[in-house]
């Protein structure tokens, strides 16, 4: 006999008495407990990249003269 598809609001076939969506649905969808952790890790990497790029831009724009350059107060940098 062919088994019919279980609806989200039907009783769970595992026998817990809960609705399928609150019991075993996550197992059948392939959802993983690491998914939120992965999202947090990716967000952290993005924030770190933004922080380091801003830090590098500030560090690179500090006024330091090389030989033969003069400070231009009008422009706010060396020429």
PDB file of N, CA and C in Angstrom:
ATOM      1  N   UNK A   1       0.839  -1.164   0.000  1.00  0.00           N
ATOM      2  CA  UNK A   1       0.000   0.000   0.000  1.00  0.00           C
ATOM      3  C   UNK A   1       0.892   1.238   0.000  1.00  0.00           C
ATOM      4  N   UNK A   2       0.616   2.190  -0.865  1.00  0.00           N
ATOM      5  CA  UNK A   2       1.419   3.407  -0.985  1.00  0.00           C
ATOM      6  C   UNK A   2       1.099   4.365   0.157  1.00  0.00           C
ATOM      7  N   UNK A   3       2.163   4.961   0.723  1.00  0.00           N
ATOM      8  CA  UNK A   3       1.975   5.905   1.827  1.00  0.00           C
ATOM      9  C   UNK A   3       1.750   7.298   1.242  1.00  0.00           C
ATOM     10  N   UNK A   4       0.712   8.005   1.731  1.00  0.00           N
ATOM     11  CA  UNK A   4       0.419   9.342   1.225  1.00  0.00           C
ATOM     12  C   UNK A   4       1.342  10.364   1.879  1.00  0.00           C
ATOM     13  N   UNK A   5       1.475  11.525   1.239  1.00  0.00           N
ATOM     14  CA  UNK A   5       2.335  12.586   1.746  1.00  0.00           C
ATOM     15  C   UNK A   5       1.704  13.186   3.003  1.00  0.00           C
ATOM     16  N   UNK A   6       2.542  13.457   3.994  1.00  0.00           N
ATOM     17  CA  UNK A   6       2.070  14.012   5.257  1.00  0.00           C
ATOM     18  C   UNK A   6       1.997  15.524   5.121  1.00  0.00           C
ATOM     19  N   UNK A   7       0.861  16.109   5.490  1.00  0.00           N
ATOM     20  CA  UNK A   7       0.717  17.561   5.485  1.00  0.00           C
ATOM     21  C   UNK A   7       1.340  18.172   6.727  1.00  0.00           C
ATOM     22  N   UNK A   8       1.651  19.454   6.677  1.00  0.00           N
ATOM     23  CA  UNK A   8       2.309  20.127   7.799  1.00  0.00           C
ATOM     24  C   UNK A   8       1.449  20.105   9.058  1.00  0.00           C
ATOM     25  N   UNK A   9       0.134  20.187   8.918  1.00  0.00           N
ATOM     26  CA  UNK A   9      -0.758  20.230  10.074  1.00  0.00           C
ATOM     27  C   UNK A   9      -1.294  18.857  10.475  1.00  0.00           C
ATOM     28  N   UNK A  10      -0.890  17.814   9.766  1.00  0.00           N
ATOM     29  CA  UNK A  10      -1.303  16.455  10.135  1.00  0.00           C
ATOM     30  C   UNK A  10      -0.482  15.984  11.332  1.00  0.00           C
ATOM     31  N   UNK A  11      -0.988  14.946  12.000  1.00  0.00           N
ATOM     32  CA  UNK A  11      -0.218  14.356  13.101  1.00  0.00           C
ATOM     33  C   UNK A  11       1.038  13.723  12.537  1.00  0.00           C
ATOM     34  N   UNK A  12       2.113  13.810  13.297  1.00  0.00           N
ATOM     35  CA  UNK A  12       3.398  13.283  12.854  1.00  0.00           C
ATOM     36  C   UNK A  12       3.343  11.760  12.796  1.00  0.00           C
ATOM     37  N   UNK A  13       3.886  11.166  11.748  1.00  0.00           N
ATOM     38  CA  UNK A  13       3.855   9.706  11.628  1.00  0.00           C
ATOM     39  C   UNK A  13       4.781   8.999  12.618  1.00  0.00           C
ATOM     40  N   UNK A  14       5.618   9.729  13.345  1.00  0.00           N
ATOM     41  CA  UNK A  14       6.518   9.066  14.297  1.00  0.00           C
ATOM     42  C   UNK A  14       5.772   8.641  15.558  1.00  0.00           C
ATOM     43  N   UNK A  15       4.526   9.116  15.744  1.00  0.00           N
ATOM     44  CA  UNK A  15       3.724   8.700  16.885  1.00  0.00           C
ATOM     45  C   UNK A  15       3.841   9.599  18.101  1.00  0.00           C
ATOM     46  N   UNK A  16       4.461  10.785  17.952  1.00  0.00           N
ATOM     47  CA  UNK A  16       4.625  11.678  19.103  1.00  0.00           C
ATOM     48  C   UNK A  16       3.324  12.369  19.487  1.00  0.00           C
ATOM     49  N   UNK A  17       2.382  12.442  18.561  1.00  0.00           N
ATOM     50  CA  UNK A  17       1.123  13.140  18.816  1.00  0.00           C
ATOM     51  C   UNK A  17       1.180  14.615  18.460  1.00  0.00           C
ATOM     52  N   UNK A  18       2.358  15.113  18.120  1.00  0.00           N
ATOM     53  CA  UNK A  18       2.510  16.521  17.728  1.00  0.00           C
ATOM     54  C   UNK A  18       2.169  16.670  16.256  1.00  0.00           C
ATOM     55  N   UNK A  19       1.981  17.937  15.835  1.00  0.00           N
ATOM     56  CA  UNK A  19       1.814  18.209  14.419  1.00  0.00           C
ATOM     57  C   UNK A  19       3.156  17.955  13.730  1.00  0.00           C
ATOM     58  N   UNK A  20       3.088  17.545  12.483  1.00  0.00           N
ATOM     59  CA  UNK A  20       4.285  17.225  11.716  1.00  0.00           C
ATOM     60  C   UNK A  20       5.229  18.422  11.633  1.00  0.00           C
ATOM     61  N   UNK A  21       4.675  19.652  11.472  1.00  0.00           N
ATOM     62  CA  UNK A  21       5.521  20.837  11.323  1.00  0.00           C
ATOM     63  C   UNK A  21       6.292  21.159  12.602  1.00  0.00           C
ATOM     64  N   UNK A  22       5.807  20.673  13.746  1.00  0.00           N
ATOM     65  CA  UNK A  22       6.481  20.947  15.014  1.00  0.00           C
ATOM     66  C   UNK A  22       7.340  19.768  15.475  1.00  0.00           C
ATOM     67  N   UNK A  23       7.348  18.714  14.699  1.00  0.00           N
ATOM     68  CA  UNK A  23       8.065  17.510  15.139  1.00  0.00           C
ATOM     69  C   UNK A  23       9.167  17.122  14.151  1.00  0.00           C
ATOM     70  N   UNK A  24       8.816  16.453  13.084  1.00  0.00           N
ATOM     71  CA  UNK A  24       9.808  15.843  12.195  1.00  0.00           C
ATOM     72  C   UNK A  24       9.963  16.535  10.841  1.00  0.00           C
ATOM     73  N   UNK A  25       9.287  17.631  10.604  1.00  0.00           N
ATOM     74  CA  UNK A  25       9.383  18.283   9.294  1.00  0.00           C
ATOM     75  C   UNK A  25      10.810  18.733   8.981  1.00  0.00           C
ATOM     76  N   UNK A  26      11.503  19.280   9.979  1.00  0.00           N
ATOM     77  CA  UNK A  26      12.867  19.755   9.754  1.00  0.00           C
ATOM     78  C   UNK A  26      13.779  18.614   9.304  1.00  0.00           C
ATOM     79  N   UNK A  27      13.564  17.425   9.808  1.00  0.00           N
ATOM     80  CA  UNK A  27      14.384  16.273   9.420  1.00  0.00           C
ATOM     81  C   UNK A  27      14.138  15.865   7.977  1.00  0.00           C
ATOM     82  N   UNK A  28      12.919  15.995   7.506  1.00  0.00           N
ATOM     83  CA  UNK A  28      12.598  15.588   6.148  1.00  0.00           C
ATOM     84  C   UNK A  28      13.003  16.635   5.127  1.00  0.00           C
ATOM     85  N   UNK A  29      13.078  17.909   5.528  1.00  0.00           N
ATOM     86  CA  UNK A  29      13.476  18.968   4.612  1.00  0.00           C
ATOM     87  C   UNK A  29      14.987  19.020   4.448  1.00  0.00           C
ATOM     88  N   UNK A  30      15.717  18.396   5.323  1.00  0.00           N
ATOM     89  CA  UNK A  30      17.165  18.450   5.262  1.00  0.00           C
ATOM     90  C   UNK A  30      17.713  19.676   5.976  1.00  0.00           C
ATOM     91  N   UNK A  31      16.896  20.306   6.802  1.00  0.00           N
ATOM     92  CA  UNK A  31      17.354  21.467   7.549  1.00  0.00           C
ATOM     93  C   UNK A  31      18.404  21.028   8.547  1.00  0.00           C
ATOM     94  N   UNK A  32      19.324  21.911   8.808  1.00  0.00           N
ATOM     95  CA  UNK A  32      20.428  21.571   9.680  1.00  0.00           C
ATOM     96  C   UNK A  32      20.529  22.592  10.796  1.00  0.00           C
ATOM     97  N   UNK A  33      21.000  22.161  11.960  1.00  0.00           N
ATOM     98  CA  UNK A  33      21.176  23.082  13.084  1.00  0.00           C
ATOM     99  C   UNK A  33      22.367  23.994  12.846  1.00  0.00           C
ATOM    100  N   UNK A  34      23.223  23.680  11.884  1.00  0.00           N
ATOM    101  CA  UNK A  34      24.378  24.523  11.616  1.00  0.00           C
ATOM    102  C   UNK A  34      24.045  25.688  10.700  1.00  0.00           C
ATOM    103  N   UNK A  35      22.884  25.722  10.102  1.00  0.00           N
ATOM    104  CA  UNK A  35      22.531  26.806   9.195  1.00  0.00           C
ATOM    105  C   UNK A  35      22.602  28.177   9.861  1.00  0.00           C
ATOM    106  N   UNK A  36      22.017  28.382  11.048  1.00  0.00           N
ATOM    107  CA  UNK A  36      22.147  29.691  11.686  1.00  0.00           C
ATOM    108  C   UNK A  36      23.601  30.023  12.029  1.00  0.00           C
ATOM    109  N   UNK A  37      24.371  29.021  12.415  1.00  0.00           N
ATOM    110  CA  UNK A  37      25.781  29.261  12.718  1.00  0.00           C
ATOM    111  C   UNK A  37      26.544  29.676  11.471  1.00  0.00           C
ATOM    112  N   UNK A  38      26.216  29.080  10.350  1.00  0.00           N
ATOM    113  CA  UNK A  38      26.865  29.432   9.104  1.00  0.00           C
ATOM    114  C   UNK A  38      26.543  30.872   8.725  1.00  0.00           C
ATOM    115  N   UNK A  39      25.300  31.273   8.887  1.00  0.00           N
ATOM    116  CA  UNK A  39      24.906  32.657   8.591  1.00  0.00           C
ATOM    117  C   UNK A  39      25.641  33.639   9.494  1.00  0.00           C
ATOM    118  N   UNK A  40      25.778  33.319  10.768  1.00  0.00           N
ATOM    119  CA  UNK A  40      26.487  34.192  11.701  1.00  0.00           C
ATOM    120  C   UNK A  40      27.962  34.286  11.318  1.00  0.00           C
ATOM    121  N   UNK A  41      28.561  33.173  10.927  1.00  0.00           N
ATOM    122  CA  UNK A  41      29.968  33.181  10.527  1.00  0.00           C
ATOM    123  C   UNK A  41      30.187  34.030   9.279  1.00  0.00           C
ATOM    124  N   UNK A  42      29.311  33.887   8.296  1.00  0.00           N
ATOM    125  CA  UNK A  42      29.433  34.681   7.071  1.00  0.00           C
ATOM    126  C   UNK A  42      29.248  36.164   7.378  1.00  0.00           C
ATOM    127  N   UNK A  43      28.275  36.497   8.226  1.00  0.00           N
ATOM    128  CA  UNK A  43      28.067  37.893   8.605  1.00  0.00           C
ATOM    129  C   UNK A  43      29.295  38.447   9.323  1.00  0.00           C
ATOM    130  N   UNK A  44      29.908  37.652  10.182  1.00  0.00           N
ATOM    131  CA  UNK A  44      31.118  38.085  10.875  1.00  0.00           C
ATOM    132  C   UNK A  44      32.273  38.339   9.918  1.00  0.00           C
ATOM    133  N   UNK A  45      32.416  37.499   8.922  1.00  0.00           N
ATOM    134  CA  UNK A  45      33.470  37.690   7.926  1.00  0.00           C
ATOM    135  C   UNK A  45      33.240  38.970   7.130  1.00  0.00           C
ATOM    136  N   UNK A  46      31.989  39.227   6.774  1.00  0.00           N
ATOM    137  CA  UNK A  46      31.663  40.442   6.032  1.00  0.00           C
ATOM    138  C   UNK A  46      31.949  41.686   6.867  1.00  0.00           C
ATOM    139  N   UNK A  47      31.553  41.663   8.135  1.00  0.00           N
ATOM    140  CA  UNK A  47      31.814  42.802   9.026  1.00  0.00           C
ATOM    141  C   UNK A  47      33.314  43.016   9.186  1.00  0.00           C
ATOM    142  N   UNK A  48      34.072  41.942   9.352  1.00  0.00           N
ATOM    143  CA  UNK A  48      35.519  42.060   9.490  1.00  0.00           C
ATOM    144  C   UNK A  48      36.150  42.640   8.224  1.00  0.00           C
ATOM    145  N   UNK A  49      35.685  42.214   7.060  1.00  0.00           N
ATOM    146  CA  UNK A  49      36.220  42.731   5.800  1.00  0.00           C
ATOM    147  C   UNK A  49      35.939  44.219   5.664  1.00  0.00           C
ATOM    148  N   UNK A  50      34.735  44.637   6.035  1.00  0.00           N
ATOM    149  CA  UNK A  50      34.396  46.063   5.980  1.00  0.00           C
ATOM    150  C   UNK A  50      35.271  46.840   6.945  1.00  0.00           C
ATOM    151  N   UNK A  51      35.437  46.330   8.165  1.00  0.00           N
ATOM    152  CA  UNK A  51      36.263  47.006   9.167  1.00  0.00           C
ATOM    153  C   UNK A  51      37.698  47.171   8.675  1.00  0.00           C
ATOM    154  N   UNK A  52      38.283  46.091   8.144  1.00  0.00           N
ATOM    155  CA  UNK A  52      39.665  46.160   7.694  1.00  0.00           C
ATOM    156  C   UNK A  52      39.828  47.049   6.464  1.00  0.00           C
ATOM    157  N   UNK A  53      38.842  47.083   5.583  1.00  0.00           N
ATOM    158  CA  UNK A  53      38.951  47.960   4.418  1.00  0.00           C
ATOM    159  C   UNK A  53      38.869  49.422   4.833  1.00  0.00           C
ATOM    160  N   UNK A  54      38.006  49.735   5.799  1.00  0.00           N
ATOM    161  CA  UNK A  54      37.928  51.107   6.303  1.00  0.00           C
ATOM    162  C   UNK A  54      39.218  51.473   7.016  1.00  0.00           C
ATOM    163  N   UNK A  55      39.738  50.557   7.809  1.00  0.00           N
ATOM    164  CA  UNK A  55      40.983  50.790   8.526  1.00  0.00           C
ATOM    165  C   UNK A  55      42.146  51.013   7.552  1.00  0.00           C
ATOM    166  N   UNK A  56      42.209  50.217   6.505  1.00  0.00           N
ATOM    167  CA  UNK A  56      43.276  50.364   5.518  1.00  0.00           C
ATOM    168  C   UNK A  56      43.152  51.674   4.759  1.00  0.00           C
ATOM    169  N   UNK A  57      41.922  52.075   4.454  1.00  0.00           N
ATOM    170  CA  UNK A  57      41.721  53.336   3.742  1.00  0.00           C
ATOM    171  C   UNK A  57      42.153  54.514   4.603  1.00  0.00           C
ATOM    172  N   UNK A  58      41.857  54.468   5.883  1.00  0.00           N
ATOM    173  CA  UNK A  58      42.276  55.548   6.776  1.00  0.00           C
ATOM    174  C   UNK A  58      43.787  55.564   6.932  1.00  0.00           C
ATOM    175  N   UNK A  59      44.375  54.397   7.035  1.00  0.00           N
ATOM    176  CA  UNK A  59      45.827  54.312   7.209  1.00  0.00           C
ATOM    177  C   UNK A  59      46.539  54.799   5.947  1.00  0.00           C
ATOM    178  N   UNK A  60      46.025  54.440   4.796  1.00  0.00           N
ATOM    179  CA  UNK A  60      46.648  54.825   3.530  1.00  0.00           C
ATOM    180  C   UNK A  60      46.501  56.295   3.213  1.00  0.00           C
ATOM    181  N   UNK A  61      45.531  56.982   3.792  1.00  0.00           N
ATOM    182  CA  UNK A  61      45.305  58.384   3.467  1.00  0.00           C
ATOM    183  C   UNK A  61      45.966  59.328   4.462  1.00  0.00           C
ATOM    184  N   UNK A  62      46.792  58.785   5.365  1.00  0.00           N
ATOM    185  CA  UNK A  62      47.459  59.655   6.326  1.00  0.00           C
ATOM    186  C   UNK A  62      48.502  60.502   5.599  1.00  0.00           C
ATOM    187  N   UNK A  63      48.620  61.778   5.961  1.00  0.00           N
ATOM    188  CA  UNK A  63      49.520  62.673   5.237  1.00  0.00           C
ATOM    189  C   UNK A  63      50.983  62.393   5.561  1.00  0.00           C
ATOM    190  N   UNK A  64      51.691  61.794   4.617  1.00  0.00           N
ATOM    191  CA  UNK A  64      53.129  61.589   4.732  1.00  0.00           C
ATOM    192  C   UNK A  64      53.756  62.056   3.438  1.00  0.00           C
ATOM    193  N   UNK A  65      54.775  62.861   3.546  1.00  0.00           N
ATOM    194  CA  UNK A  65      55.424  63.422   2.366  1.00  0.00           C
ATOM    195  C   UNK A  65      56.543  62.514   1.884  1.00  0.00           C
ATOM    196  N   UNK A  66      56.684  62.439   0.577  1.00  0.00           N
ATOM    197  CA  UNK A  66      57.859  61.800  -0.002  1.00  0.00           C
ATOM    198  C   UNK A  66      58.768  62.917  -0.492  1.00  0.00           C
ATOM    199  N   UNK A  67      59.951  62.594  -0.927  1.00  0.00           N
ATOM    200  CA  UNK A  67      60.933  63.602  -1.327  1.00  0.00           C
ATOM    201  C   UNK A  67      60.364  64.514  -2.416  1.00  0.00           C
ATOM    202  N   UNK A  68      60.481  65.823  -2.197  1.00  0.00           N
ATOM    203  CA  UNK A  68      60.066  66.798  -3.196  1.00  0.00           C
ATOM    204  C   UNK A  68      58.603  67.205  -3.126  1.00  0.00           C
ATOM    205  N   UNK A  69      57.835  66.661  -2.199  1.00  0.00           N
ATOM    206  CA  UNK A  69      56.427  67.036  -2.095  1.00  0.00           C
ATOM    207  C   UNK A  69      56.242  68.117  -1.041  1.00  0.00           C
ATOM    208  N   UNK A  70      55.237  68.958  -1.267  1.00  0.00           N
ATOM    209  CA  UNK A  70      54.901  70.010  -0.308  1.00  0.00           C
ATOM    210  C   UNK A  70      53.430  69.878   0.065  1.00  0.00           C
ATOM    211  N   UNK A  71      53.101  70.306   1.295  1.00  0.00           N
ATOM    212  CA  UNK A  71      51.733  70.229   1.791  1.00  0.00           C
ATOM    213  C   UNK A  71      50.894  71.334   1.176  1.00  0.00           C
ATOM    214  N   UNK A  72      49.722  71.005   0.690  1.00  0.00           N
ATOM    215  CA  UNK A  72      48.789  71.978   0.134  1.00  0.00           C
ATOM    216  C   UNK A  72      47.615  72.115   1.091  1.00  0.00           C
ATOM    217  N   UNK A  73      47.574  73.221   1.881  1.00  0.00           N
ATOM    218  CA  UNK A  73      46.456  73.393   2.811  1.00  0.00           C
ATOM    219  C   UNK A  73      45.118  73.541   2.076  1.00  0.00           C
ATOM    220  N   UNK A  74      45.163  74.060   0.884  1.00  0.00           N
ATOM    221  CA  UNK A  74      43.946  74.247   0.101  1.00  0.00           C
ATOM    222  C   UNK A  74      43.293  72.905  -0.246  1.00  0.00           C
ATOM    223  N   UNK A  75      44.114  71.925  -0.599  1.00  0.00           N
ATOM    224  CA  UNK A  75      43.605  70.615  -0.993  1.00  0.00           C
ATOM    225  C   UNK A  75      43.617  69.598   0.144  1.00  0.00           C
ATOM    226  N   UNK A  76      44.431  69.841   1.188  1.00  0.00           N
ATOM    227  CA  UNK A  76      44.497  68.946   2.320  1.00  0.00           C
ATOM    228  C   UNK A  76      45.352  67.714   2.103  1.00  0.00           C
ATOM    229  N   UNK A  77      46.287  67.785   1.154  1.00  0.00           N
ATOM    230  CA  UNK A  77      47.208  66.679   0.938  1.00  0.00           C
ATOM    231  C   UNK A  77      48.509  67.190   0.330  1.00  0.00           C
ATOM    232  N   UNK A  78      49.499  66.264   0.205  1.00  0.00           N
ATOM    233  CA  UNK A  78      50.799  66.635  -0.370  1.00  0.00           C
ATOM    234  C   UNK A  78      50.756  66.637  -1.876  1.00  0.00           C
ATOM    235  N   UNK A  79      51.549  67.541  -2.486  1.00  0.00           N
ATOM    236  CA  UNK A  79      51.732  67.596  -3.941  1.00  0.00           C
ATOM    237  C   UNK A  79      53.180  67.418  -4.265  1.00  0.00           C
TER     238      UNK A  79
END
